[in-house]
Amino acid sequence: MDIPRRRIHSGGVDENAPTLLFLGDSITQAGDWATWFPEFRTVNHGVGGDKTGDVIARLDRVVAEQPDEIVLLIGTNDFGNRATTEQVVRNIETILVDLRRDLPGARLLLVSIMPRGREFADRINDANRHLRQFAATVKAQFLDLWPALALEDGELNPTFSDDRLHLNAAGYEAWLAELRPALDRLRDAPPMSSPISVIREP
């Protein structure tokens, strides 16, 4: 199902509240971020069906929001469309580099590509290993959700999903239980104040 593109701002938040932006696909889009983080001005840039290349194409809209913090979760739809691990990793690296270049003061939290059907587990785990290592080079933090959401064989725990891909209410609760302390750690880190140069292997 094609979900219309939308952007959601929380209501009734102090104008001086920090902006917390969520960037990703339908898993992000379906989150009730304004309710879950009422102390922030939340912006939902989750778009159903998006792949990494789609996010790259709309980063100007993210930059225009001038967020204080960004939570990025993307990549599962690439694997569903037979992208290679290298393609997914390179595109997510590009997203992170571009965000750091254009939003040098923003705090970045990269969420691991979530588990889904066990047939995807090896490729997704391989991508996450690379992304965990790369995140530090752009002063981003990495949140690994696999211990909380995956079974031993890499299958998304059926407690947290009704279709082996999207999260149900219990799945979002499990994510939030990991996300809240991860954001606390992110805010404890020294802020970025100037652009950094990132050189990647060709």
N, C-alpha and C. Protein backbone atom coordinates (compact mmCIF):
# COMPACT_ATOMS: atom_id res chain seq x y z
N MET A 1 0.85 -1.18 0.00
CA MET A 1 0.00 0.00 0.00
C MET A 1 0.88 1.24 0.00
N ASP A 2 0.57 2.18 -0.86
CA ASP A 2 1.33 3.41 -0.96
C ASP A 2 0.81 4.40 0.07
N ILE A 3 1.65 4.75 1.06
CA ILE A 3 1.25 5.67 2.11
C ILE A 3 1.64 7.07 1.70
N PRO A 4 0.71 8.04 1.74
CA PRO A 4 1.03 9.40 1.34
C PRO A 4 2.18 9.97 2.17
N ARG A 5 2.98 10.78 1.51
CA ARG A 5 4.06 11.45 2.21
C ARG A 5 3.48 12.49 3.16
N ARG A 6 4.03 12.53 4.37
CA ARG A 6 3.50 13.48 5.33
C ARG A 6 4.59 13.90 6.30
N ARG A 7 4.37 15.01 6.95
CA ARG A 7 5.29 15.51 7.97
C ARG A 7 4.44 15.90 9.17
N ILE A 8 4.80 15.42 10.34
CA ILE A 8 3.98 15.64 11.53
C ILE A 8 4.78 16.42 12.55
N HIS A 9 4.21 17.49 13.04
CA HIS A 9 4.81 18.25 14.12
C HIS A 9 3.98 18.03 15.39
N SER A 10 4.63 17.97 16.51
CA SER A 10 3.90 17.86 17.76
C SER A 10 3.22 19.19 18.06
N GLY A 11 2.09 19.12 18.74
CA GLY A 11 1.36 20.33 19.09
C GLY A 11 1.53 20.68 20.55
N GLY A 12 1.39 21.96 20.87
CA GLY A 12 1.43 22.41 22.25
C GLY A 12 2.78 22.35 22.89
N VAL A 13 3.85 22.35 22.11
CA VAL A 13 5.19 22.28 22.67
C VAL A 13 5.78 23.68 22.69
N ASP A 14 6.54 23.97 23.73
CA ASP A 14 7.21 25.26 23.85
C ASP A 14 8.01 25.53 22.58
N GLU A 15 7.94 26.76 22.08
CA GLU A 15 8.65 27.12 20.86
C GLU A 15 10.15 26.94 20.99
N ASN A 16 10.64 27.01 22.21
CA ASN A 16 12.09 26.86 22.43
C ASN A 16 12.50 25.41 22.68
N ALA A 17 11.56 24.48 22.60
CA ALA A 17 11.89 23.08 22.82
C ALA A 17 12.80 22.58 21.71
N PRO A 18 13.75 21.70 22.02
CA PRO A 18 14.60 21.14 20.98
C PRO A 18 13.77 20.37 19.95
N THR A 19 14.26 20.34 18.73
CA THR A 19 13.60 19.61 17.65
C THR A 19 14.21 18.23 17.51
N LEU A 20 13.39 17.22 17.63
CA LEU A 20 13.80 15.82 17.50
C LEU A 20 13.16 15.28 16.23
N LEU A 21 13.98 14.95 15.23
CA LEU A 21 13.48 14.53 13.93
C LEU A 21 13.72 13.05 13.72
N PHE A 22 12.68 12.36 13.27
CA PHE A 22 12.76 10.93 12.97
C PHE A 22 12.73 10.75 11.46
N LEU A 23 13.73 10.04 10.94
CA LEU A 23 13.92 9.91 9.50
C LEU A 23 13.96 8.44 9.12
N GLY A 24 13.12 8.06 8.15
CA GLY A 24 13.13 6.66 7.74
C GLY A 24 11.97 6.29 6.84
N ASP A 25 11.50 5.06 6.99
CA ASP A 25 10.45 4.53 6.13
C ASP A 25 9.15 4.36 6.94
N SER A 26 8.32 3.38 6.60
CA SER A 26 7.02 3.24 7.26
C SER A 26 7.13 2.88 8.74
N ILE A 27 8.21 2.23 9.12
CA ILE A 27 8.38 1.88 10.53
C ILE A 27 8.53 3.15 11.35
N THR A 28 9.24 4.12 10.82
CA THR A 28 9.33 5.43 11.46
C THR A 28 8.02 6.19 11.33
N GLN A 29 7.44 6.17 10.14
CA GLN A 29 6.22 6.93 9.88
C GLN A 29 5.10 6.56 10.85
N ALA A 30 5.00 5.30 11.22
CA ALA A 30 3.91 4.84 12.07
C ALA A 30 4.13 5.15 13.55
N GLY A 31 5.29 5.68 13.91
CA GLY A 31 5.55 6.00 15.32
C GLY A 31 4.79 7.22 15.78
N ASP A 32 4.27 7.18 16.98
CA ASP A 32 3.52 8.30 17.57
C ASP A 32 4.50 9.15 18.39
N TRP A 33 5.45 9.74 17.69
CA TRP A 33 6.58 10.38 18.35
C TRP A 33 6.17 11.58 19.21
N ALA A 34 5.18 12.33 18.75
CA ALA A 34 4.75 13.51 19.50
C ALA A 34 4.20 13.12 20.87
N THR A 35 3.49 12.00 20.93
CA THR A 35 2.96 11.50 22.20
C THR A 35 4.06 10.93 23.07
N TRP A 36 4.99 10.22 22.45
CA TRP A 36 6.04 9.54 23.19
C TRP A 36 7.13 10.50 23.69
N PHE A 37 7.31 11.63 22.99
CA PHE A 37 8.34 12.60 23.39
C PHE A 37 7.72 14.00 23.46
N PRO A 38 6.80 14.22 24.40
CA PRO A 38 6.08 15.49 24.47
C PRO A 38 6.95 16.68 24.84
N GLU A 39 8.13 16.40 25.37
CA GLU A 39 9.01 17.50 25.78
C GLU A 39 9.77 18.10 24.60
N PHE A 40 9.62 17.50 23.41
CA PHE A 40 10.32 17.97 22.22
C PHE A 40 9.33 18.46 21.17
N ARG A 41 9.82 19.24 20.26
CA ARG A 41 9.13 19.47 19.00
C ARG A 41 9.54 18.32 18.10
N THR A 42 8.64 17.39 17.87
CA THR A 42 8.98 16.22 17.07
C THR A 42 8.56 16.42 15.62
N VAL A 43 9.38 15.93 14.73
CA VAL A 43 9.12 16.01 13.30
C VAL A 43 9.29 14.61 12.72
N ASN A 44 8.26 14.14 12.03
CA ASN A 44 8.27 12.78 11.50
C ASN A 44 8.51 12.82 10.00
N HIS A 45 9.72 12.43 9.61
CA HIS A 45 10.07 12.31 8.20
C HIS A 45 10.18 10.84 7.80
N GLY A 46 9.27 10.04 8.33
CA GLY A 46 9.16 8.66 7.88
C GLY A 46 8.21 8.60 6.70
N VAL A 47 8.60 7.88 5.66
CA VAL A 47 7.78 7.75 4.45
C VAL A 47 7.68 6.27 4.09
N GLY A 48 6.44 5.78 4.03
CA GLY A 48 6.22 4.38 3.71
C GLY A 48 6.82 3.99 2.38
N GLY A 49 7.55 2.88 2.37
CA GLY A 49 8.15 2.35 1.15
C GLY A 49 9.50 2.92 0.81
N ASP A 50 9.98 3.91 1.57
CA ASP A 50 11.24 4.54 1.22
C ASP A 50 12.42 3.59 1.36
N LYS A 51 13.35 3.75 0.44
CA LYS A 51 14.64 3.07 0.48
C LYS A 51 15.72 4.12 0.74
N THR A 52 16.94 3.67 0.87
CA THR A 52 18.02 4.60 1.21
C THR A 52 18.17 5.70 0.16
N GLY A 53 18.03 5.35 -1.09
CA GLY A 53 18.15 6.35 -2.15
C GLY A 53 17.06 7.41 -2.08
N ASP A 54 15.87 7.01 -1.64
CA ASP A 54 14.78 7.98 -1.49
C ASP A 54 15.10 8.98 -0.38
N VAL A 55 15.69 8.49 0.69
CA VAL A 55 16.06 9.39 1.78
C VAL A 55 17.13 10.38 1.32
N ILE A 56 18.12 9.90 0.57
CA ILE A 56 19.14 10.80 0.05
C ILE A 56 18.50 11.92 -0.77
N ALA A 57 17.48 11.57 -1.56
CA ALA A 57 16.85 12.53 -2.45
C ALA A 57 16.05 13.60 -1.72
N ARG A 58 15.69 13.35 -0.46
CA ARG A 58 14.87 14.33 0.27
C ARG A 58 15.57 14.90 1.51
N LEU A 59 16.87 14.79 1.55
CA LEU A 59 17.60 15.31 2.71
C LEU A 59 17.50 16.82 2.83
N ASP A 60 17.24 17.52 1.73
CA ASP A 60 17.11 18.98 1.84
C ASP A 60 15.96 19.37 2.75
N ARG A 61 14.90 18.56 2.76
CA ARG A 61 13.76 18.84 3.64
C ARG A 61 14.13 18.63 5.11
N VAL A 62 14.97 17.64 5.34
CA VAL A 62 15.45 17.38 6.69
C VAL A 62 16.31 18.55 7.17
N VAL A 63 17.22 18.98 6.33
CA VAL A 63 18.10 20.09 6.69
C VAL A 63 17.30 21.35 6.96
N ALA A 64 16.24 21.59 6.18
CA ALA A 64 15.41 22.78 6.35
C ALA A 64 14.78 22.85 7.74
N GLU A 65 14.56 21.71 8.37
CA GLU A 65 13.98 21.69 9.71
C GLU A 65 14.96 22.14 10.79
N GLN A 66 16.25 22.12 10.48
CA GLN A 66 17.29 22.48 11.44
C GLN A 66 17.10 21.75 12.78
N PRO A 67 17.02 20.42 12.72
CA PRO A 67 16.78 19.68 13.97
C PRO A 67 17.99 19.68 14.89
N ASP A 68 17.70 19.54 16.17
CA ASP A 68 18.77 19.40 17.15
C ASP A 68 19.27 17.95 17.23
N GLU A 69 18.35 17.02 17.00
CA GLU A 69 18.68 15.59 17.06
C GLU A 69 17.96 14.87 15.94
N ILE A 70 18.62 13.86 15.37
CA ILE A 70 18.03 13.07 14.29
C ILE A 70 18.17 11.59 14.64
N VAL A 71 17.06 10.87 14.52
CA VAL A 71 17.06 9.42 14.67
C VAL A 71 16.83 8.83 13.28
N LEU A 72 17.80 8.09 12.76
CA LEU A 72 17.74 7.54 11.41
C LEU A 72 17.57 6.03 11.46
N LEU A 73 16.52 5.55 10.80
CA LEU A 73 16.29 4.11 10.63
C LEU A 73 15.87 3.88 9.19
N ILE A 74 16.73 3.24 8.39
CA ILE A 74 16.43 3.02 6.98
C ILE A 74 17.22 1.79 6.49
N GLY A 75 16.73 1.17 5.43
CA GLY A 75 17.50 0.09 4.82
C GLY A 75 16.74 -1.19 4.57
N THR A 76 15.70 -1.46 5.36
CA THR A 76 15.03 -2.75 5.21
C THR A 76 14.34 -2.89 3.86
N ASN A 77 13.79 -1.80 3.32
CA ASN A 77 13.14 -1.89 2.01
C ASN A 77 14.13 -2.13 0.89
N ASP A 78 15.37 -1.67 1.06
CA ASP A 78 16.41 -1.96 0.07
C ASP A 78 16.62 -3.47 -0.02
N PHE A 79 16.73 -4.12 1.14
CA PHE A 79 16.93 -5.56 1.13
C PHE A 79 15.71 -6.28 0.56
N GLY A 80 14.53 -5.74 0.83
CA GLY A 80 13.33 -6.33 0.25
C GLY A 80 13.27 -6.19 -1.25
N ASN A 81 14.04 -5.25 -1.80
CA ASN A 81 14.11 -5.04 -3.25
C ASN A 81 15.43 -5.53 -3.83
N ARG A 82 16.09 -6.44 -3.11
CA ARG A 82 17.27 -7.16 -3.59
C ARG A 82 18.50 -6.29 -3.78
N ALA A 83 18.60 -5.22 -3.04
CA ALA A 83 19.83 -4.44 -3.05
C ALA A 83 20.94 -5.25 -2.38
N THR A 84 22.17 -4.98 -2.74
CA THR A 84 23.29 -5.67 -2.11
C THR A 84 23.62 -4.99 -0.77
N THR A 85 24.31 -5.72 0.07
CA THR A 85 24.74 -5.16 1.34
C THR A 85 25.61 -3.93 1.11
N GLU A 86 26.49 -4.00 0.13
CA GLU A 86 27.38 -2.87 -0.16
C GLU A 86 26.58 -1.64 -0.57
N GLN A 87 25.56 -1.81 -1.39
CA GLN A 87 24.74 -0.67 -1.81
C GLN A 87 24.05 -0.01 -0.62
N VAL A 88 23.50 -0.83 0.25
CA VAL A 88 22.79 -0.30 1.41
C VAL A 88 23.74 0.45 2.33
N VAL A 89 24.88 -0.15 2.61
CA VAL A 89 25.85 0.49 3.50
C VAL A 89 26.34 1.80 2.91
N ARG A 90 26.69 1.80 1.63
CA ARG A 90 27.20 3.02 1.01
C ARG A 90 26.16 4.15 1.05
N ASN A 91 24.91 3.81 0.80
CA ASN A 91 23.88 4.85 0.81
C ASN A 91 23.65 5.41 2.21
N ILE A 92 23.64 4.54 3.21
CA ILE A 92 23.47 5.04 4.58
C ILE A 92 24.67 5.87 5.00
N GLU A 93 25.87 5.46 4.59
CA GLU A 93 27.04 6.29 4.85
C GLU A 93 26.90 7.67 4.21
N THR A 94 26.38 7.70 2.98
CA THR A 94 26.17 8.97 2.29
C THR A 94 25.18 9.85 3.05
N ILE A 95 24.10 9.24 3.54
CA ILE A 95 23.12 10.00 4.33
C ILE A 95 23.78 10.62 5.55
N LEU A 96 24.56 9.83 6.26
CA LEU A 96 25.21 10.33 7.48
C LEU A 96 26.23 11.42 7.17
N VAL A 97 27.01 11.23 6.14
CA VAL A 97 28.00 12.24 5.76
C VAL A 97 27.32 13.55 5.37
N ASP A 98 26.25 13.45 4.57
CA ASP A 98 25.55 14.66 4.14
C ASP A 98 24.89 15.37 5.32
N LEU A 99 24.30 14.61 6.22
CA LEU A 99 23.69 15.23 7.39
C LEU A 99 24.74 15.92 8.26
N ARG A 100 25.87 15.27 8.45
CA ARG A 100 26.91 15.88 9.27
C ARG A 100 27.47 17.12 8.60
N ARG A 101 27.58 17.10 7.27
CA ARG A 101 28.10 18.27 6.55
C ARG A 101 27.13 19.45 6.65
N ASP A 102 25.84 19.17 6.45
CA ASP A 102 24.86 20.25 6.37
C ASP A 102 24.26 20.64 7.73
N LEU A 103 24.38 19.75 8.71
CA LEU A 103 23.88 20.03 10.06
C LEU A 103 24.99 19.71 11.06
N PRO A 104 26.06 20.49 11.04
CA PRO A 104 27.23 20.15 11.85
C PRO A 104 26.96 20.11 13.35
N GLY A 105 25.95 20.84 13.81
CA GLY A 105 25.67 20.86 15.23
C GLY A 105 24.66 19.84 15.71
N ALA A 106 24.07 19.09 14.79
CA ALA A 106 23.03 18.14 15.16
C ALA A 106 23.63 16.88 15.78
N ARG A 107 22.89 16.30 16.71
CA ARG A 107 23.27 15.01 17.25
C ARG A 107 22.58 13.93 16.43
N LEU A 108 23.34 12.91 16.01
CA LEU A 108 22.84 11.88 15.12
C LEU A 108 22.81 10.52 15.82
N LEU A 109 21.68 9.86 15.75
CA LEU A 109 21.55 8.50 16.26
C LEU A 109 21.15 7.59 15.11
N LEU A 110 22.02 6.68 14.74
CA LEU A 110 21.74 5.69 13.70
C LEU A 110 21.21 4.42 14.36
N VAL A 111 19.99 4.04 13.99
CA VAL A 111 19.40 2.81 14.51
C VAL A 111 19.74 1.67 13.57
N SER A 112 20.13 0.54 14.11
CA SER A 112 20.44 -0.62 13.29
C SER A 112 19.25 -0.99 12.42
N ILE A 113 19.54 -1.47 11.21
CA ILE A 113 18.47 -2.01 10.37
C ILE A 113 17.83 -3.15 11.14
N MET A 114 16.52 -3.10 11.28
CA MET A 114 15.83 -4.04 12.17
C MET A 114 15.75 -5.44 11.57
N PRO A 115 15.64 -6.43 12.44
CA PRO A 115 15.39 -7.78 11.95
C PRO A 115 14.04 -7.87 11.25
N ARG A 116 13.93 -8.81 10.33
CA ARG A 116 12.65 -9.11 9.68
C ARG A 116 12.62 -10.63 9.52
N GLY A 117 12.24 -11.16 8.38
CA GLY A 117 12.28 -12.61 8.21
C GLY A 117 13.71 -13.13 8.31
N ARG A 118 13.88 -14.34 8.84
CA ARG A 118 15.23 -14.87 9.07
C ARG A 118 16.04 -15.00 7.79
N GLU A 119 15.38 -15.06 6.64
CA GLU A 119 16.10 -15.18 5.37
C GLU A 119 16.91 -13.92 5.05
N PHE A 120 16.63 -12.83 5.72
CA PHE A 120 17.38 -11.59 5.51
C PHE A 120 18.47 -11.39 6.56
N ALA A 121 18.54 -12.25 7.56
CA ALA A 121 19.35 -11.98 8.74
C ALA A 121 20.83 -11.80 8.44
N ASP A 122 21.41 -12.67 7.63
CA ASP A 122 22.85 -12.60 7.39
C ASP A 122 23.23 -11.29 6.72
N ARG A 123 22.47 -10.89 5.71
CA ARG A 123 22.81 -9.66 4.99
C ARG A 123 22.60 -8.42 5.86
N ILE A 124 21.52 -8.40 6.63
CA ILE A 124 21.27 -7.24 7.48
C ILE A 124 22.31 -7.15 8.59
N ASN A 125 22.67 -8.28 9.18
CA ASN A 125 23.70 -8.26 10.22
C ASN A 125 25.03 -7.79 9.66
N ASP A 126 25.36 -8.20 8.44
CA ASP A 126 26.60 -7.76 7.80
C ASP A 126 26.59 -6.25 7.62
N ALA A 127 25.46 -5.72 7.14
CA ALA A 127 25.35 -4.27 6.96
C ALA A 127 25.48 -3.55 8.29
N ASN A 128 24.82 -4.06 9.32
CA ASN A 128 24.88 -3.40 10.62
C ASN A 128 26.29 -3.38 11.21
N ARG A 129 27.06 -4.43 10.96
CA ARG A 129 28.45 -4.44 11.44
C ARG A 129 29.25 -3.30 10.83
N HIS A 130 29.08 -3.10 9.52
CA HIS A 130 29.78 -2.01 8.85
C HIS A 130 29.30 -0.65 9.35
N LEU A 131 27.99 -0.52 9.53
CA LEU A 131 27.42 0.77 9.92
C LEU A 131 27.82 1.15 11.34
N ARG A 132 27.90 0.16 12.22
CA ARG A 132 28.33 0.45 13.60
C ARG A 132 29.72 1.06 13.59
N GLN A 133 30.61 0.50 12.77
CA GLN A 133 31.97 1.00 12.70
C GLN A 133 32.03 2.39 12.07
N PHE A 134 31.20 2.62 11.05
CA PHE A 134 31.26 3.89 10.33
C PHE A 134 30.66 5.04 11.13
N ALA A 135 29.66 4.76 11.93
CA ALA A 135 28.93 5.83 12.63
C ALA A 135 29.87 6.74 13.41
N ALA A 136 30.85 6.17 14.06
CA ALA A 136 31.75 6.97 14.88
C ALA A 136 32.54 7.97 14.05
N THR A 137 32.79 7.68 12.78
CA THR A 137 33.60 8.58 11.96
C THR A 137 32.87 9.87 11.64
N VAL A 138 31.55 9.89 11.78
CA VAL A 138 30.79 11.13 11.57
C VAL A 138 30.17 11.60 12.90
N LYS A 139 30.76 11.15 14.00
CA LYS A 139 30.29 11.54 15.33
C LYS A 139 28.81 11.22 15.53
N ALA A 140 28.38 10.08 15.01
CA ALA A 140 27.03 9.58 15.25
C ALA A 140 27.11 8.43 16.24
N GLN A 141 26.03 8.22 16.98
CA GLN A 141 25.95 7.06 17.85
C GLN A 141 25.10 5.98 17.18
N PHE A 142 25.33 4.75 17.57
CA PHE A 142 24.68 3.60 16.95
C PHE A 142 23.86 2.85 17.99
N LEU A 143 22.60 2.59 17.66
CA LEU A 143 21.71 1.84 18.56
C LEU A 143 21.39 0.49 17.93
N ASP A 144 21.86 -0.58 18.55
CA ASP A 144 21.64 -1.93 18.05
C ASP A 144 20.37 -2.50 18.69
N LEU A 145 19.35 -2.71 17.86
CA LEU A 145 18.07 -3.22 18.37
C LEU A 145 17.94 -4.74 18.27
N TRP A 146 18.93 -5.40 17.69
CA TRP A 146 18.79 -6.85 17.51
C TRP A 146 18.66 -7.62 18.82
N PRO A 147 19.43 -7.30 19.86
CA PRO A 147 19.25 -8.05 21.11
C PRO A 147 17.83 -7.95 21.66
N ALA A 148 17.16 -6.83 21.41
CA ALA A 148 15.81 -6.63 21.95
C ALA A 148 14.72 -7.19 21.06
N LEU A 149 14.96 -7.25 19.74
CA LEU A 149 13.88 -7.57 18.81
C LEU A 149 14.02 -8.90 18.07
N ALA A 150 15.21 -9.46 18.01
CA ALA A 150 15.43 -10.65 17.16
C ALA A 150 15.48 -11.93 17.97
N LEU A 151 15.02 -13.02 17.34
CA LEU A 151 15.22 -14.35 17.89
C LEU A 151 16.65 -14.79 17.57
N GLU A 152 17.04 -15.94 18.10
CA GLU A 152 18.42 -16.40 17.90
C GLU A 152 18.77 -16.62 16.43
N ASP A 153 17.79 -16.99 15.62
CA ASP A 153 18.07 -17.24 14.19
C ASP A 153 17.94 -15.99 13.34
N GLY A 154 17.73 -14.83 13.97
CA GLY A 154 17.63 -13.59 13.23
C GLY A 154 16.23 -13.21 12.81
N GLU A 155 15.26 -14.02 13.10
CA GLU A 155 13.87 -13.69 12.80
C GLU A 155 13.38 -12.58 13.73
N LEU A 156 12.61 -11.63 13.19
CA LEU A 156 11.96 -10.64 14.03
C LEU A 156 11.00 -11.36 14.97
N ASN A 157 11.17 -11.15 16.25
CA ASN A 157 10.34 -11.83 17.25
C ASN A 157 8.86 -11.60 16.94
N PRO A 158 8.08 -12.67 16.75
CA PRO A 158 6.67 -12.50 16.39
C PRO A 158 5.84 -11.79 17.46
N THR A 159 6.38 -11.69 18.66
CA THR A 159 5.71 -10.88 19.69
C THR A 159 5.62 -9.42 19.26
N PHE A 160 6.57 -8.99 18.44
CA PHE A 160 6.69 -7.58 18.10
C PHE A 160 6.21 -7.22 16.70
N SER A 161 5.71 -8.20 15.95
CA SER A 161 5.29 -7.94 14.58
C SER A 161 4.21 -8.92 14.16
N ASP A 162 3.30 -8.43 13.33
CA ASP A 162 2.24 -9.29 12.81
C ASP A 162 2.50 -9.74 11.37
N ASP A 163 3.58 -9.21 10.77
CA ASP A 163 3.84 -9.54 9.36
C ASP A 163 5.32 -9.80 9.06
N ARG A 164 6.14 -10.01 10.10
CA ARG A 164 7.57 -10.28 9.97
C ARG A 164 8.35 -9.07 9.45
N LEU A 165 7.78 -7.89 9.54
CA LEU A 165 8.46 -6.70 9.04
C LEU A 165 8.14 -5.45 9.86
N HIS A 166 6.86 -5.08 9.92
CA HIS A 166 6.46 -3.87 10.64
C HIS A 166 6.26 -4.18 12.12
N LEU A 167 6.42 -3.15 12.93
CA LEU A 167 6.25 -3.33 14.37
C LEU A 167 4.80 -3.16 14.78
N ASN A 168 4.36 -3.97 15.74
CA ASN A 168 3.06 -3.75 16.36
C ASN A 168 3.27 -2.92 17.63
N ALA A 169 2.22 -2.76 18.43
CA ALA A 169 2.33 -1.93 19.62
C ALA A 169 3.42 -2.43 20.57
N ALA A 170 3.51 -3.74 20.74
CA ALA A 170 4.55 -4.30 21.61
C ALA A 170 5.94 -4.04 21.03
N GLY A 171 6.04 -4.06 19.70
CA GLY A 171 7.31 -3.78 19.05
C GLY A 171 7.78 -2.36 19.28
N TYR A 172 6.85 -1.42 19.19
CA TYR A 172 7.22 -0.03 19.46
C TYR A 172 7.60 0.17 20.92
N GLU A 173 6.93 -0.53 21.82
CA GLU A 173 7.29 -0.43 23.23
C GLU A 173 8.72 -0.95 23.46
N ALA A 174 9.05 -2.05 22.77
CA ALA A 174 10.40 -2.59 22.91
C ALA A 174 11.44 -1.63 22.33
N TRP A 175 11.10 -0.99 21.21
CA TRP A 175 12.01 -0.01 20.61
C TRP A 175 12.19 1.18 21.55
N LEU A 176 11.10 1.69 22.08
CA LEU A 176 11.17 2.85 22.97
C LEU A 176 12.01 2.54 24.22
N ALA A 177 11.92 1.32 24.71
CA ALA A 177 12.70 0.95 25.89
C ALA A 177 14.20 1.05 25.62
N GLU A 178 14.61 0.85 24.37
CA GLU A 178 16.01 1.00 23.99
C GLU A 178 16.32 2.43 23.53
N LEU A 179 15.34 3.07 22.91
CA LEU A 179 15.56 4.39 22.33
C LEU A 179 15.74 5.47 23.39
N ARG A 180 14.92 5.44 24.43
CA ARG A 180 14.99 6.50 25.43
C ARG A 180 16.39 6.60 26.07
N PRO A 181 16.96 5.51 26.58
CA PRO A 181 18.31 5.64 27.14
C PRO A 181 19.36 5.98 26.09
N ALA A 182 19.14 5.53 24.84
CA ALA A 182 20.09 5.87 23.78
C ALA A 182 20.09 7.37 23.52
N LEU A 183 18.91 7.98 23.54
CA LEU A 183 18.83 9.43 23.35
C LEU A 183 19.43 10.18 24.54
N ASP A 184 19.27 9.63 25.74
CA ASP A 184 19.91 10.24 26.90
C ASP A 184 21.43 10.23 26.74
N ARG A 185 21.97 9.11 26.27
CA ARG A 185 23.42 9.03 26.05
C ARG A 185 23.85 10.01 24.96
N LEU A 186 23.02 10.13 23.93
CA LEU A 186 23.33 11.04 22.83
C LEU A 186 23.43 12.47 23.33
N ARG A 187 22.52 12.85 24.22
CA ARG A 187 22.51 14.23 24.73
C ARG A 187 23.65 14.49 25.70
N ASP A 188 24.20 13.44 26.28
CA ASP A 188 25.33 13.60 27.19
C ASP A 188 26.64 13.82 26.44
N ALA A 189 26.64 13.50 25.14
CA ALA A 189 27.86 13.64 24.35
C ALA A 189 28.13 15.12 24.07
N PRO A 190 29.40 15.49 23.93
CA PRO A 190 29.70 16.90 23.60
C PRO A 190 29.06 17.27 22.27
N PRO A 191 28.50 18.47 22.17
CA PRO A 191 27.88 18.87 20.91
C PRO A 191 28.90 19.11 19.81
N MET A 192 28.48 18.88 18.59
CA MET A 192 29.31 19.23 17.44
C MET A 192 29.19 20.73 17.23
N SER A 193 30.28 21.37 16.86
CA SER A 193 30.23 22.82 16.65
C SER A 193 30.75 23.26 15.29
N SER A 194 31.41 22.35 14.58
CA SER A 194 31.94 22.71 13.27
C SER A 194 31.93 21.50 12.37
N PRO A 195 31.90 21.71 11.04
CA PRO A 195 31.88 20.57 10.11
C PRO A 195 33.14 19.73 10.26
N ILE A 196 33.01 18.45 9.95
CA ILE A 196 34.16 17.57 9.92
C ILE A 196 34.30 17.01 8.53
N SER A 197 35.51 16.63 8.18
CA SER A 197 35.78 16.07 6.85
C SER A 197 35.85 14.56 6.97
N VAL A 198 35.11 13.87 6.13
CA VAL A 198 35.08 12.42 6.15
C VAL A 198 35.61 11.91 4.83
N ILE A 199 36.63 11.07 4.88
CA ILE A 199 37.18 10.48 3.66
C ILE A 199 36.84 9.00 3.68
N ARG A 200 36.16 8.56 2.63
CA ARG A 200 35.78 7.15 2.54
C ARG A 200 36.58 6.46 1.46
N GLU A 201 36.73 5.18 1.62
CA GLU A 201 37.42 4.40 0.59
C GLU A 201 36.62 4.42 -0.70
N PRO A 202 37.27 4.53 -1.85
CA PRO A 202 36.52 4.55 -3.12
C PRO A 202 35.88 3.22 -3.40
